[in-house]
Amino acid sequence: MVKNVFEKIVAGEIPCQKVLENEAFLAFEDINPKAPVHVLVIPKVGVKDFNAITPELMANMSAFILEVVAKLGIKESGYRLITNVGADGGQEVPHLHFHILGGAKLTWPKLF
C-alpha cells in the first residue's frame, strides 16, 4: 500500500519541523507557509478527512490543537483553524489535517 506524505511523516520516513507530538497527534511546520505561523496538525491514525472523524477523535484532537496554539503563543492574539475536505474544498492530501495560521492580522483571501 502506498503511503501519503503525512503517513510517511508519522512513520519517520520524511522529516518535519515538529512543534508538538503525543501518542495520537503530531503538529509540524507547513513547508509552504501562508502566514508567519503556519502549522499542520494531523492524527497519527489514517483518517481521510473531516467527514470520517469520530466524535472521540475530534474531542482529543481539539484538546491537542489548544495545546499547540498555547505553545505557539497565539492562543490569545488569535489564529485561523482550517481543514479542507475533498477536491472542491481544496484538500490535497487524503489524510485529515488542520492548518493553524496566525502570527499576524489575517485577511480573507478571494476563494475562487
PDB file of N, CA and C in Angstrom:
ATOM      1  N   MET A   1       0.836  -1.191   0.000  1.00  0.00           N
ATOM      2  CA  MET A   1       0.000   0.000   0.000  1.00  0.00           C
ATOM      3  C   MET A   1       0.879   1.252   0.000  1.00  0.00           C
ATOM      4  N   VAL A   2       0.543   2.203  -0.831  1.00  0.00           N
ATOM      5  CA  VAL A   2       1.299   3.438  -0.945  1.00  0.00           C
ATOM      6  C   VAL A   2       0.878   4.388   0.169  1.00  0.00           C
ATOM      7  N   LYS A   3       1.862   4.930   0.869  1.00  0.00           N
ATOM      8  CA  LYS A   3       1.588   5.877   1.950  1.00  0.00           C
ATOM      9  C   LYS A   3       1.509   7.289   1.393  1.00  0.00           C
ATOM     10  N   ASN A   4       0.606   8.095   1.969  1.00  0.00           N
ATOM     11  CA  ASN A   4       0.600   9.509   1.597  1.00  0.00           C
ATOM     12  C   ASN A   4       1.694  10.224   2.393  1.00  0.00           C
ATOM     13  N   VAL A   5       1.945  11.473   2.074  1.00  0.00           N
ATOM     14  CA  VAL A   5       3.048  12.212   2.674  1.00  0.00           C
ATOM     15  C   VAL A   5       2.913  12.310   4.194  1.00  0.00           C
ATOM     16  N   PHE A   6       1.701  12.455   4.719  1.00  0.00           N
ATOM     17  CA  PHE A   6       1.535  12.563   6.167  1.00  0.00           C
ATOM     18  C   PHE A   6       1.786  11.227   6.853  1.00  0.00           C
ATOM     19  N   GLU A   7       1.400  10.135   6.227  1.00  0.00           N
ATOM     20  CA  GLU A   7       1.705   8.817   6.784  1.00  0.00           C
ATOM     21  C   GLU A   7       3.216   8.589   6.805  1.00  0.00           C
ATOM     22  N   LYS A   8       3.917   9.078   5.788  1.00  0.00           N
ATOM     23  CA  LYS A   8       5.379   8.961   5.759  1.00  0.00           C
ATOM     24  C   LYS A   8       6.026   9.819   6.841  1.00  0.00           C
ATOM     25  N   ILE A   9       5.461  10.984   7.119  1.00  0.00           N
ATOM     26  CA  ILE A   9       5.975  11.839   8.196  1.00  0.00           C
ATOM     27  C   ILE A   9       5.775  11.148   9.537  1.00  0.00           C
ATOM     28  N   VAL A  10       4.585  10.603   9.782  1.00  0.00           N
ATOM     29  CA  VAL A  10       4.304   9.893  11.031  1.00  0.00           C
ATOM     30  C   VAL A  10       5.259   8.711  11.202  1.00  0.00           C
ATOM     31  N   ALA A  11       5.543   8.002  10.114  1.00  0.00           N
ATOM     32  CA  ALA A  11       6.425   6.829  10.154  1.00  0.00           C
ATOM     33  C   ALA A  11       7.901   7.203  10.273  1.00  0.00           C
ATOM     34  N   GLY A  12       8.221   8.499  10.190  1.00  0.00           N
ATOM     35  CA  GLY A  12       9.615   8.934  10.267  1.00  0.00           C
ATOM     36  C   GLY A  12      10.370   8.798   8.964  1.00  0.00           C
ATOM     37  N   GLU A  13       9.669   8.524   7.872  1.00  0.00           N
ATOM     38  CA  GLU A  13      10.308   8.369   6.564  1.00  0.00           C
ATOM     39  C   GLU A  13      10.608   9.712   5.908  1.00  0.00           C
ATOM     40  N   ILE A  14       9.867  10.741   6.290  1.00  0.00           N
ATOM     41  CA  ILE A  14      10.090  12.102   5.801  1.00  0.00           C
ATOM     42  C   ILE A  14      10.246  12.990   7.039  1.00  0.00           C
ATOM     43  N   PRO A  15      11.293  13.812   7.091  1.00  0.00           N
ATOM     44  CA  PRO A  15      11.474  14.678   8.257  1.00  0.00           C
ATOM     45  C   PRO A  15      10.480  15.834   8.281  1.00  0.00           C
ATOM     46  N   CYS A  16      10.260  16.371   9.464  1.00  0.00           N
ATOM     47  CA  CYS A  16       9.419  17.557   9.606  1.00  0.00           C
ATOM     48  C   CYS A  16       9.938  18.387  10.769  1.00  0.00           C
ATOM     49  N   GLN A  17       9.508  19.632  10.804  1.00  0.00           N
ATOM     50  CA  GLN A  17       9.844  20.528  11.904  1.00  0.00           C
ATOM     51  C   GLN A  17       8.734  20.401  12.945  1.00  0.00           C
ATOM     52  N   LYS A  18       8.911  19.479  13.895  1.00  0.00           N
ATOM     53  CA  LYS A  18       7.890  19.208  14.901  1.00  0.00           C
ATOM     54  C   LYS A  18       7.692  20.393  15.827  1.00  0.00           C
ATOM     55  N   VAL A  19       6.428  20.659  16.117  1.00  0.00           N
ATOM     56  CA  VAL A  19       6.048  21.684  17.086  1.00  0.00           C
ATOM     57  C   VAL A  19       5.628  21.009  18.378  1.00  0.00           C
ATOM     58  N   LEU A  20       4.814  19.951  18.258  1.00  0.00           N
ATOM     59  CA  LEU A  20       4.317  19.212  19.415  1.00  0.00           C
ATOM     60  C   LEU A  20       3.885  17.833  18.936  1.00  0.00           C
ATOM     61  N   GLU A  21       4.046  16.851  19.820  1.00  0.00           N
ATOM     62  CA  GLU A  21       3.670  15.482  19.474  1.00  0.00           C
ATOM     63  C   GLU A  21       3.242  14.756  20.729  1.00  0.00           C
ATOM     64  N   ASN A  22       2.247  13.901  20.581  1.00  0.00           N
ATOM     65  CA  ASN A  22       1.907  12.957  21.631  1.00  0.00           C
ATOM     66  C   ASN A  22       1.633  11.609  20.972  1.00  0.00           C
ATOM     67  N   GLU A  23       1.070  10.669  21.705  1.00  0.00           N
ATOM     68  CA  GLU A  23       0.874   9.328  21.151  1.00  0.00           C
ATOM     69  C   GLU A  23      -0.138   9.286  20.005  1.00  0.00           C
ATOM     70  N   ALA A  24      -1.024  10.277  19.923  1.00  0.00           N
ATOM     71  CA  ALA A  24      -2.099  10.238  18.932  1.00  0.00           C
ATOM     72  C   ALA A  24      -2.000  11.284  17.826  1.00  0.00           C
ATOM     73  N   PHE A  25      -1.277  12.389  18.083  1.00  0.00           N
ATOM     74  CA  PHE A  25      -1.275  13.519  17.146  1.00  0.00           C
ATOM     75  C   PHE A  25       0.126  14.083  16.952  1.00  0.00           C
ATOM     76  N   LEU A  26       0.285  14.780  15.827  1.00  0.00           N
ATOM     77  CA  LEU A  26       1.546  15.433  15.502  1.00  0.00           C
ATOM     78  C   LEU A  26       1.251  16.807  14.929  1.00  0.00           C
ATOM     79  N   ALA A  27       1.973  17.804  15.403  1.00  0.00           N
ATOM     80  CA  ALA A  27       1.900  19.164  14.860  1.00  0.00           C
ATOM     81  C   ALA A  27       3.281  19.524  14.317  1.00  0.00           C
ATOM     82  N   PHE A  28       3.311  20.074  13.105  1.00  0.00           N
ATOM     83  CA  PHE A  28       4.587  20.423  12.490  1.00  0.00           C
ATOM     84  C   PHE A  28       4.410  21.622  11.563  1.00  0.00           C
ATOM     85  N   GLU A  29       5.534  22.290  11.282  1.00  0.00           N
ATOM     86  CA  GLU A  29       5.541  23.478  10.429  1.00  0.00           C
ATOM     87  C   GLU A  29       5.170  23.103   8.995  1.00  0.00           C
ATOM     88  N   ASP A  30       4.319  23.921   8.371  1.00  0.00           N
ATOM     89  CA  ASP A  30       3.983  23.740   6.960  1.00  0.00           C
ATOM     90  C   ASP A  30       5.196  24.117   6.115  1.00  0.00           C
ATOM     91  N   ILE A  31       5.475  23.323   5.079  1.00  0.00           N
ATOM     92  CA  ILE A  31       6.650  23.613   4.236  1.00  0.00           C
ATOM     93  C   ILE A  31       6.405  24.761   3.271  1.00  0.00           C
ATOM     94  N   ASN A  32       5.155  25.189   3.124  1.00  0.00           N
ATOM     95  CA  ASN A  32       4.810  26.306   2.242  1.00  0.00           C
ATOM     96  C   ASN A  32       3.903  27.264   3.021  1.00  0.00           C
ATOM     97  N   PRO A  33       4.464  27.964   4.012  1.00  0.00           N
ATOM     98  CA  PRO A  33       3.622  28.764   4.912  1.00  0.00           C
ATOM     99  C   PRO A  33       2.893  29.911   4.229  1.00  0.00           C
ATOM    100  N   LYS A  34       1.654  30.126   4.678  1.00  0.00           N
ATOM    101  CA  LYS A  34       0.804  31.205   4.180  1.00  0.00           C
ATOM    102  C   LYS A  34       0.644  32.322   5.197  1.00  0.00           C
ATOM    103  N   ALA A  35       1.297  32.194   6.350  1.00  0.00           N
ATOM    104  CA  ALA A  35       1.244  33.191   7.416  1.00  0.00           C
ATOM    105  C   ALA A  35       2.529  33.050   8.226  1.00  0.00           C
ATOM    106  N   PRO A  36       2.852  34.045   9.066  1.00  0.00           N
ATOM    107  CA  PRO A  36       4.055  33.926   9.891  1.00  0.00           C
ATOM    108  C   PRO A  36       4.078  32.645  10.732  1.00  0.00           C
ATOM    109  N   VAL A  37       2.919  32.231  11.215  1.00  0.00           N
ATOM    110  CA  VAL A  37       2.774  30.935  11.883  1.00  0.00           C
ATOM    111  C   VAL A  37       1.863  30.095  11.002  1.00  0.00           C
ATOM    112  N   HIS A  38       2.353  28.945  10.554  1.00  0.00           N
ATOM    113  CA  HIS A  38       1.537  28.023   9.756  1.00  0.00           C
ATOM    114  C   HIS A  38       1.953  26.609  10.121  1.00  0.00           C
ATOM    115  N   VAL A  39       1.125  25.983  10.927  1.00  0.00           N
ATOM    116  CA  VAL A  39       1.403  24.653  11.455  1.00  0.00           C
ATOM    117  C   VAL A  39       0.281  23.719  11.032  1.00  0.00           C
ATOM    118  N   LEU A  40       0.640  22.482  10.724  1.00  0.00           N
ATOM    119  CA  LEU A  40      -0.333  21.449  10.411  1.00  0.00           C
ATOM    120  C   LEU A  40      -0.472  20.519  11.602  1.00  0.00           C
ATOM    121  N   VAL A  41      -1.693  20.107  11.884  1.00  0.00           N
ATOM    122  CA  VAL A  41      -1.970  19.135  12.945  1.00  0.00           C
ATOM    123  C   VAL A  41      -2.650  17.941  12.309  1.00  0.00           C
ATOM    124  N   ILE A  42      -2.087  16.746  12.558  1.00  0.00           N
ATOM    125  CA  ILE A  42      -2.638  15.523  11.981  1.00  0.00           C
ATOM    126  C   ILE A  42      -2.808  14.456  13.056  1.00  0.00           C
ATOM    127  N   PRO A  43      -3.803  13.591  12.858  1.00  0.00           N
ATOM    128  CA  PRO A  43      -3.852  12.402  13.705  1.00  0.00           C
ATOM    129  C   PRO A  43      -2.832  11.393  13.174  1.00  0.00           C
ATOM    130  N   LYS A  44      -2.288  10.582  14.054  1.00  0.00           N
ATOM    131  CA  LYS A  44      -1.335   9.567  13.611  1.00  0.00           C
ATOM    132  C   LYS A  44      -2.025   8.367  12.971  1.00  0.00           C
ATOM    133  N   VAL A  45      -3.312   8.221  13.208  1.00  0.00           N
ATOM    134  CA  VAL A  45      -4.076   7.165  12.545  1.00  0.00           C
ATOM    135  C   VAL A  45      -4.600   7.702  11.220  1.00  0.00           C
ATOM    136  N   GLY A  46      -4.844   6.789  10.290  1.00  0.00           N
ATOM    137  CA  GLY A  46      -5.333   7.195   8.980  1.00  0.00           C
ATOM    138  C   GLY A  46      -6.811   7.558   9.005  1.00  0.00           C
ATOM    139  N   VAL A  47      -7.095   8.835   8.857  1.00  0.00           N
ATOM    140  CA  VAL A  47      -8.460   9.343   8.727  1.00  0.00           C
ATOM    141  C   VAL A  47      -8.448  10.205   7.476  1.00  0.00           C
ATOM    142  N   LYS A  48      -9.312   9.889   6.518  1.00  0.00           N
ATOM    143  CA  LYS A  48      -9.255  10.569   5.220  1.00  0.00           C
ATOM    144  C   LYS A  48      -9.521  12.067   5.320  1.00  0.00           C
ATOM    145  N   ASP A  49     -10.588  12.446   6.033  1.00  0.00           N
ATOM    146  CA  ASP A  49     -10.951  13.861   6.110  1.00  0.00           C
ATOM    147  C   ASP A  49     -11.920  14.078   7.267  1.00  0.00           C
ATOM    148  N   PHE A  50     -12.406  15.283   7.406  1.00  0.00           N
ATOM    149  CA  PHE A  50     -13.307  15.629   8.498  1.00  0.00           C
ATOM    150  C   PHE A  50     -14.590  14.801   8.469  1.00  0.00           C
ATOM    151  N   ASN A  51     -15.034  14.405   7.290  1.00  0.00           N
ATOM    152  CA  ASN A  51     -16.235  13.584   7.184  1.00  0.00           C
ATOM    153  C   ASN A  51     -16.069  12.219   7.846  1.00  0.00           C
ATOM    154  N   ALA A  52     -14.849  11.754   8.004  1.00  0.00           N
ATOM    155  CA  ALA A  52     -14.577  10.424   8.535  1.00  0.00           C
ATOM    156  C   ALA A  52     -14.159  10.422  10.008  1.00  0.00           C
ATOM    157  N   ILE A  53     -14.068  11.583  10.634  1.00  0.00           N
ATOM    158  CA  ILE A  53     -13.588  11.636  12.012  1.00  0.00           C
ATOM    159  C   ILE A  53     -14.689  11.208  12.981  1.00  0.00           C
ATOM    160  N   THR A  54     -14.284  10.550  14.048  1.00  0.00           N
ATOM    161  CA  THR A  54     -15.239  10.169  15.090  1.00  0.00           C
ATOM    162  C   THR A  54     -15.315  11.303  16.119  1.00  0.00           C
ATOM    163  N   PRO A  55     -16.420  11.403  16.831  1.00  0.00           N
ATOM    164  CA  PRO A  55     -16.525  12.442  17.872  1.00  0.00           C
ATOM    165  C   PRO A  55     -15.415  12.330  18.922  1.00  0.00           C
ATOM    166  N   GLU A  56     -15.047  11.118  19.295  1.00  0.00           N
ATOM    167  CA  GLU A  56     -13.999  10.938  20.301  1.00  0.00           C
ATOM    168  C   GLU A  56     -12.653  11.448  19.793  1.00  0.00           C
ATOM    169  N   LEU A  57     -12.307  11.089  18.555  1.00  0.00           N
ATOM    170  CA  LEU A  57     -11.041  11.555  17.979  1.00  0.00           C
ATOM    171  C   LEU A  57     -11.050  13.074  17.845  1.00  0.00           C
ATOM    172  N   MET A  58     -12.178  13.653  17.438  1.00  0.00           N
ATOM    173  CA  MET A  58     -12.270  15.100  17.301  1.00  0.00           C
ATOM    174  C   MET A  58     -12.095  15.790  18.640  1.00  0.00           C
ATOM    175  N   ALA A  59     -12.686  15.242  19.697  1.00  0.00           N
ATOM    176  CA  ALA A  59     -12.531  15.834  21.031  1.00  0.00           C
ATOM    177  C   ALA A  59     -11.064  15.822  21.457  1.00  0.00           C
ATOM    178  N   ASN A  60     -10.391  14.718  21.242  1.00  0.00           N
ATOM    179  CA  ASN A  60      -8.978  14.629  21.604  1.00  0.00           C
ATOM    180  C   ASN A  60      -8.110  15.524  20.729  1.00  0.00           C
ATOM    181  N   MET A  61      -8.456  15.620  19.453  1.00  0.00           N
ATOM    182  CA  MET A  61      -7.698  16.478  18.543  1.00  0.00           C
ATOM    183  C   MET A  61      -7.890  17.946  18.910  1.00  0.00           C
ATOM    184  N   SER A  62      -9.101  18.311  19.314  1.00  0.00           N
ATOM    185  CA  SER A  62      -9.363  19.694  19.738  1.00  0.00           C
ATOM    186  C   SER A  62      -8.497  20.062  20.932  1.00  0.00           C
ATOM    187  N   ALA A  63      -8.404  19.171  21.902  1.00  0.00           N
ATOM    188  CA  ALA A  63      -7.567  19.425  23.076  1.00  0.00           C
ATOM    189  C   ALA A  63      -6.102  19.579  22.668  1.00  0.00           C
ATOM    190  N   PHE A  64      -5.642  18.743  21.739  1.00  0.00           N
ATOM    191  CA  PHE A  64      -4.264  18.830  21.263  1.00  0.00           C
ATOM    192  C   PHE A  64      -4.018  20.152  20.536  1.00  0.00           C
ATOM    193  N   ILE A  65      -4.960  20.562  19.693  1.00  0.00           N
ATOM    194  CA  ILE A  65      -4.824  21.831  18.973  1.00  0.00           C
ATOM    195  C   ILE A  65      -4.708  22.995  19.958  1.00  0.00           C
ATOM    196  N   LEU A  66      -5.484  22.962  21.026  1.00  0.00           N
ATOM    197  CA  LEU A  66      -5.384  24.022  22.040  1.00  0.00           C
ATOM    198  C   LEU A  66      -4.006  24.036  22.702  1.00  0.00           C
ATOM    199  N   GLU A  67      -3.405  22.871  22.903  1.00  0.00           N
ATOM    200  CA  GLU A  67      -2.032  22.813  23.420  1.00  0.00           C
ATOM    201  C   GLU A  67      -1.060  23.436  22.424  1.00  0.00           C
ATOM    202  N   VAL A  68      -1.269  23.145  21.140  1.00  0.00           N
ATOM    203  CA  VAL A  68      -0.379  23.663  20.094  1.00  0.00           C
ATOM    204  C   VAL A  68      -0.442  25.188  20.033  1.00  0.00           C
ATOM    205  N   VAL A  69      -1.650  25.762  20.013  1.00  0.00           N
ATOM    206  CA  VAL A  69      -1.741  27.224  19.905  1.00  0.00           C
ATOM    207  C   VAL A  69      -1.186  27.902  21.142  1.00  0.00           C
ATOM    208  N   ALA A  70      -1.309  27.263  22.299  1.00  0.00           N
ATOM    209  CA  ALA A  70      -0.695  27.811  23.513  1.00  0.00           C
ATOM    210  C   ALA A  70       0.825  27.795  23.382  1.00  0.00           C
ATOM    211  N   LYS A  71       1.378  26.681  22.904  1.00  0.00           N
ATOM    212  CA  LYS A  71       2.832  26.579  22.731  1.00  0.00           C
ATOM    213  C   LYS A  71       3.345  27.587  21.702  1.00  0.00           C
ATOM    214  N   LEU A  72       2.549  27.827  20.661  1.00  0.00           N
ATOM    215  CA  LEU A  72       2.943  28.781  19.616  1.00  0.00           C
ATOM    216  C   LEU A  72       2.809  30.236  20.071  1.00  0.00           C
ATOM    217  N   GLY A  73       2.113  30.466  21.187  1.00  0.00           N
ATOM    218  CA  GLY A  73       1.934  31.821  21.700  1.00  0.00           C
ATOM    219  C   GLY A  73       0.884  32.632  20.966  1.00  0.00           C
ATOM    220  N   ILE A  74      -0.074  31.956  20.314  1.00  0.00           N
ATOM    221  CA  ILE A  74      -1.098  32.682  19.552  1.00  0.00           C
ATOM    222  C   ILE A  74      -2.507  32.450  20.085  1.00  0.00           C
ATOM    223  N   LYS A  75      -2.614  31.758  21.198  1.00  0.00           N
ATOM    224  CA  LYS A  75      -3.941  31.428  21.732  1.00  0.00           C
ATOM    225  C   LYS A  75      -4.745  32.686  22.048  1.00  0.00           C
ATOM    226  N   GLU A  76      -4.110  33.689  22.603  1.00  0.00           N
ATOM    227  CA  GLU A  76      -4.807  34.918  22.982  1.00  0.00           C
ATOM    228  C   GLU A  76      -4.889  35.927  21.838  1.00  0.00           C
ATOM    229  N   SER A  77      -3.852  36.015  21.023  1.00  0.00           N
ATOM    230  CA  SER A  77      -3.846  37.010  19.940  1.00  0.00           C
ATOM    231  C   SER A  77      -4.752  36.612  18.790  1.00  0.00           C
ATOM    232  N   GLY A  78      -4.963  35.321  18.620  1.00  0.00           N
ATOM    233  CA  GLY A  78      -5.873  34.842  17.588  1.00  0.00           C
ATOM    234  C   GLY A  78      -5.179  34.045  16.504  1.00  0.00           C
ATOM    235  N   TYR A  79      -5.968  33.218  15.859  1.00  0.00           N
ATOM    236  CA  TYR A  79      -5.462  32.342  14.807  1.00  0.00           C
ATOM    237  C   TYR A  79      -6.630  31.861  13.962  1.00  0.00           C
ATOM    238  N   ARG A  80      -6.306  31.292  12.824  1.00  0.00           N
ATOM    239  CA  ARG A  80      -7.307  30.699  11.946  1.00  0.00           C
ATOM    240  C   ARG A  80      -7.068  29.192  11.943  1.00  0.00           C
ATOM    241  N   LEU A  81      -8.149  28.433  12.044  1.00  0.00           N
ATOM    242  CA  LEU A  81      -8.087  26.971  12.035  1.00  0.00           C
ATOM    243  C   LEU A  81      -8.898  26.486  10.846  1.00  0.00           C
ATOM    244  N   ILE A  82      -8.233  25.767   9.930  1.00  0.00           N
ATOM    245  CA  ILE A  82      -8.866  25.373   8.668  1.00  0.00           C
ATOM    246  C   ILE A  82      -8.621  23.891   8.396  1.00  0.00           C
ATOM    247  N   THR A  83      -9.653  23.212   7.924  1.00  0.00           N
ATOM    248  CA  THR A  83      -9.477  21.891   7.329  1.00  0.00           C
ATOM    249  C   THR A  83     -10.212  21.887   5.993  1.00  0.00           C
ATOM    250  N   ASN A  84      -9.577  21.322   5.003  1.00  0.00           N
ATOM    251  CA  ASN A  84     -10.168  21.211   3.674  1.00  0.00           C
ATOM    252  C   ASN A  84     -10.703  19.796   3.501  1.00  0.00           C
ATOM    253  N   VAL A  85     -11.867  19.681   2.851  1.00  0.00           N
ATOM    254  CA  VAL A  85     -12.494  18.377   2.649  1.00  0.00           C
ATOM    255  C   VAL A  85     -12.771  18.173   1.163  1.00  0.00           C
ATOM    256  N   GLY A  86     -12.168  17.156   0.581  1.00  0.00           N
ATOM    257  CA  GLY A  86     -12.417  16.795  -0.808  1.00  0.00           C
ATOM    258  C   GLY A  86     -11.799  17.747  -1.821  1.00  0.00           C
ATOM    259  N   ALA A  87     -11.898  17.366  -3.061  1.00  0.00           N
ATOM    260  CA  ALA A  87     -11.285  18.125  -4.153  1.00  0.00           C
ATOM    261  C   ALA A  87     -11.824  19.550  -4.237  1.00  0.00           C
ATOM    262  N   ASP A  88     -13.139  19.728  -4.164  1.00  0.00           N
ATOM    263  CA  ASP A  88     -13.705  21.072  -4.263  1.00  0.00           C
ATOM    264  C   ASP A  88     -13.367  21.928  -3.048  1.00  0.00           C
ATOM    265  N   GLY A  89     -13.071  21.294  -1.919  1.00  0.00           N
ATOM    266  CA  GLY A  89     -12.681  22.029  -0.715  1.00  0.00           C
ATOM    267  C   GLY A  89     -11.202  22.361  -0.673  1.00  0.00           C
ATOM    268  N   GLY A  90     -10.445  21.865  -1.648  1.00  0.00           N
ATOM    269  CA  GLY A  90      -9.020  22.167  -1.723  1.00  0.00           C
ATOM    270  C   GLY A  90      -8.128  21.172  -1.005  1.00  0.00           C
ATOM    271  N   GLN A  91      -8.662  20.019  -0.610  1.00  0.00           N
ATOM    272  CA  GLN A  91      -7.833  19.023   0.080  1.00  0.00           C
ATOM    273  C   GLN A  91      -6.864  18.397  -0.901  1.00  0.00           C
ATOM    274  N   GLU A  92      -5.565  18.464  -0.591  1.00  0.00           N
ATOM    275  CA  GLU A  92      -4.534  17.929  -1.471  1.00  0.00           C
ATOM    276  C   GLU A  92      -3.999  16.586  -0.996  1.00  0.00           C
ATOM    277  N   VAL A  93      -4.040  16.338   0.315  1.00  0.00           N
ATOM    278  CA  VAL A  93      -3.550  15.081   0.879  1.00  0.00           C
ATOM    279  C   VAL A  93      -4.734  14.376   1.530  1.00  0.00           C
ATOM    280  N   PRO A  94      -5.016  13.128   1.158  1.00  0.00           N
ATOM    281  CA  PRO A  94      -6.171  12.417   1.711  1.00  0.00           C
ATOM    282  C   PRO A  94      -5.909  11.883   3.119  1.00  0.00           C
ATOM    283  N   HIS A  95      -5.620  12.798   4.021  1.00  0.00           N
ATOM    284  CA  HIS A  95      -5.374  12.498   5.438  1.00  0.00           C
ATOM    285  C   HIS A  95      -5.829  13.734   6.197  1.00  0.00           C
ATOM    286  N   LEU A  96      -6.722  13.555   7.154  1.00  0.00           N
ATOM    287  CA  LEU A  96      -7.238  14.685   7.913  1.00  0.00           C
ATOM    288  C   LEU A  96      -6.104  15.545   8.452  1.00  0.00           C
ATOM    289  N   HIS A  97      -6.194  16.834   8.225  1.00  0.00           N
ATOM    290  CA  HIS A  97      -5.222  17.760   8.790  1.00  0.00           C
ATOM    291  C   HIS A  97      -5.871  19.127   8.966  1.00  0.00           C
ATOM    292  N   PHE A  98      -5.466  19.786  10.025  1.00  0.00           N
ATOM    293  CA  PHE A  98      -5.909  21.146  10.299  1.00  0.00           C
ATOM    294  C   PHE A  98      -4.723  22.074  10.119  1.00  0.00           C
ATOM    295  N   HIS A  99      -4.975  23.201   9.464  1.00  0.00           N
ATOM    296  CA  HIS A  99      -3.984  24.267   9.339  1.00  0.00           C
ATOM    297  C   HIS A  99      -4.237  25.250  10.471  1.00  0.00           C
ATOM    298  N   ILE A 100      -3.188  25.599  11.194  1.00  0.00           N
ATOM    299  CA  ILE A 100      -3.248  26.679  12.181  1.00  0.00           C
ATOM    300  C   ILE A 100      -2.438  27.819  11.595  1.00  0.00           C
ATOM    301  N   LEU A 101      -3.106  28.955  11.346  1.00  0.00           N
ATOM    302  CA  LEU A 101      -2.427  30.125  10.794  1.00  0.00           C
ATOM    303  C   LEU A 101      -2.560  31.283  11.771  1.00  0.00           C
ATOM    304  N   GLY A 102      -1.480  32.001  11.988  1.00  0.00           N
ATOM    305  CA  GLY A 102      -1.516  33.143  12.897  1.00  0.00           C
ATOM    306  C   GLY A 102      -0.221  33.922  12.837  1.00  0.00           C
ATOM    307  N   GLY A 103      -0.009  34.695  13.880  1.00  0.00           N
ATOM    308  CA  GLY A 103       1.210  35.487  13.957  1.00  0.00           C
ATOM    309  C   GLY A 103       1.104  36.839  13.293  1.00  0.00           C
ATOM    310  N   ALA A 104      -0.068  37.178  12.766  1.00  0.00           N
ATOM    311  CA  ALA A 104      -0.310  38.469  12.116  1.00  0.00           C
ATOM    312  C   ALA A 104      -1.819  38.637  11.990  1.00  0.00           C
ATOM    313  N   LYS A 105      -2.249  39.851  11.701  1.00  0.00           N
ATOM    314  CA  LYS A 105      -3.665  40.087  11.431  1.00  0.00           C
ATOM    315  C   LYS A 105      -3.962  39.495  10.062  1.00  0.00           C
ATOM    316  N   LEU A 106      -4.813  38.489  10.034  1.00  0.00           N
ATOM    317  CA  LEU A 106      -5.085  37.769   8.792  1.00  0.00           C
ATOM    318  C   LEU A 106      -6.260  38.395   8.057  1.00  0.00           C
ATOM    319  N   THR A 107      -6.145  38.454   6.748  1.00  0.00           N
ATOM    320  CA  THR A 107      -7.247  38.918   5.904  1.00  0.00           C
ATOM    321  C   THR A 107      -7.884  37.695   5.265  1.00  0.00           C
ATOM    322  N   TRP A 108      -9.016  37.886   4.636  1.00  0.00           N
ATOM    323  CA  TRP A 108      -9.694  36.783   3.980  1.00  0.00           C
ATOM    324  C   TRP A 108      -9.407  36.850   2.484  1.00  0.00           C
ATOM    325  N   PRO A 109      -8.732  35.848   1.934  1.00  0.00           N
ATOM    326  CA  PRO A 109      -8.410  35.881   0.509  1.00  0.00           C
ATOM    327  C   PRO A 109      -9.629  35.553  -0.352  1.00  0.00           C
ATOM    328  N   LYS A 110      -9.526  35.919  -1.593  1.00  0.00           N
ATOM    329  CA  LYS A 110     -10.539  35.545  -2.577  1.00  0.00           C
ATOM    330  C   LYS A 110     -10.578  34.016  -2.642  1.00  0.00           C
ATOM    331  N   LEU A 111     -11.751  33.429  -2.628  1.00  0.00           N
ATOM    332  CA  LEU A 111     -11.874  31.978  -2.557  1.00  0.00           C
ATOM    333  C   LEU A 111     -11.811  31.273  -3.912  1.00  0.00           C
ATOM    334  N   PHE A 112     -12.132  31.946  -4.991  1.00  0.00           N
ATOM    335  CA  PHE A 112     -12.024  31.304  -6.305  1.00  0.00           C
ATOM    336  C   PHE A 112     -11.864  32.340  -7.379  1.00  0.00           C
TER     337      PHE A 112
END
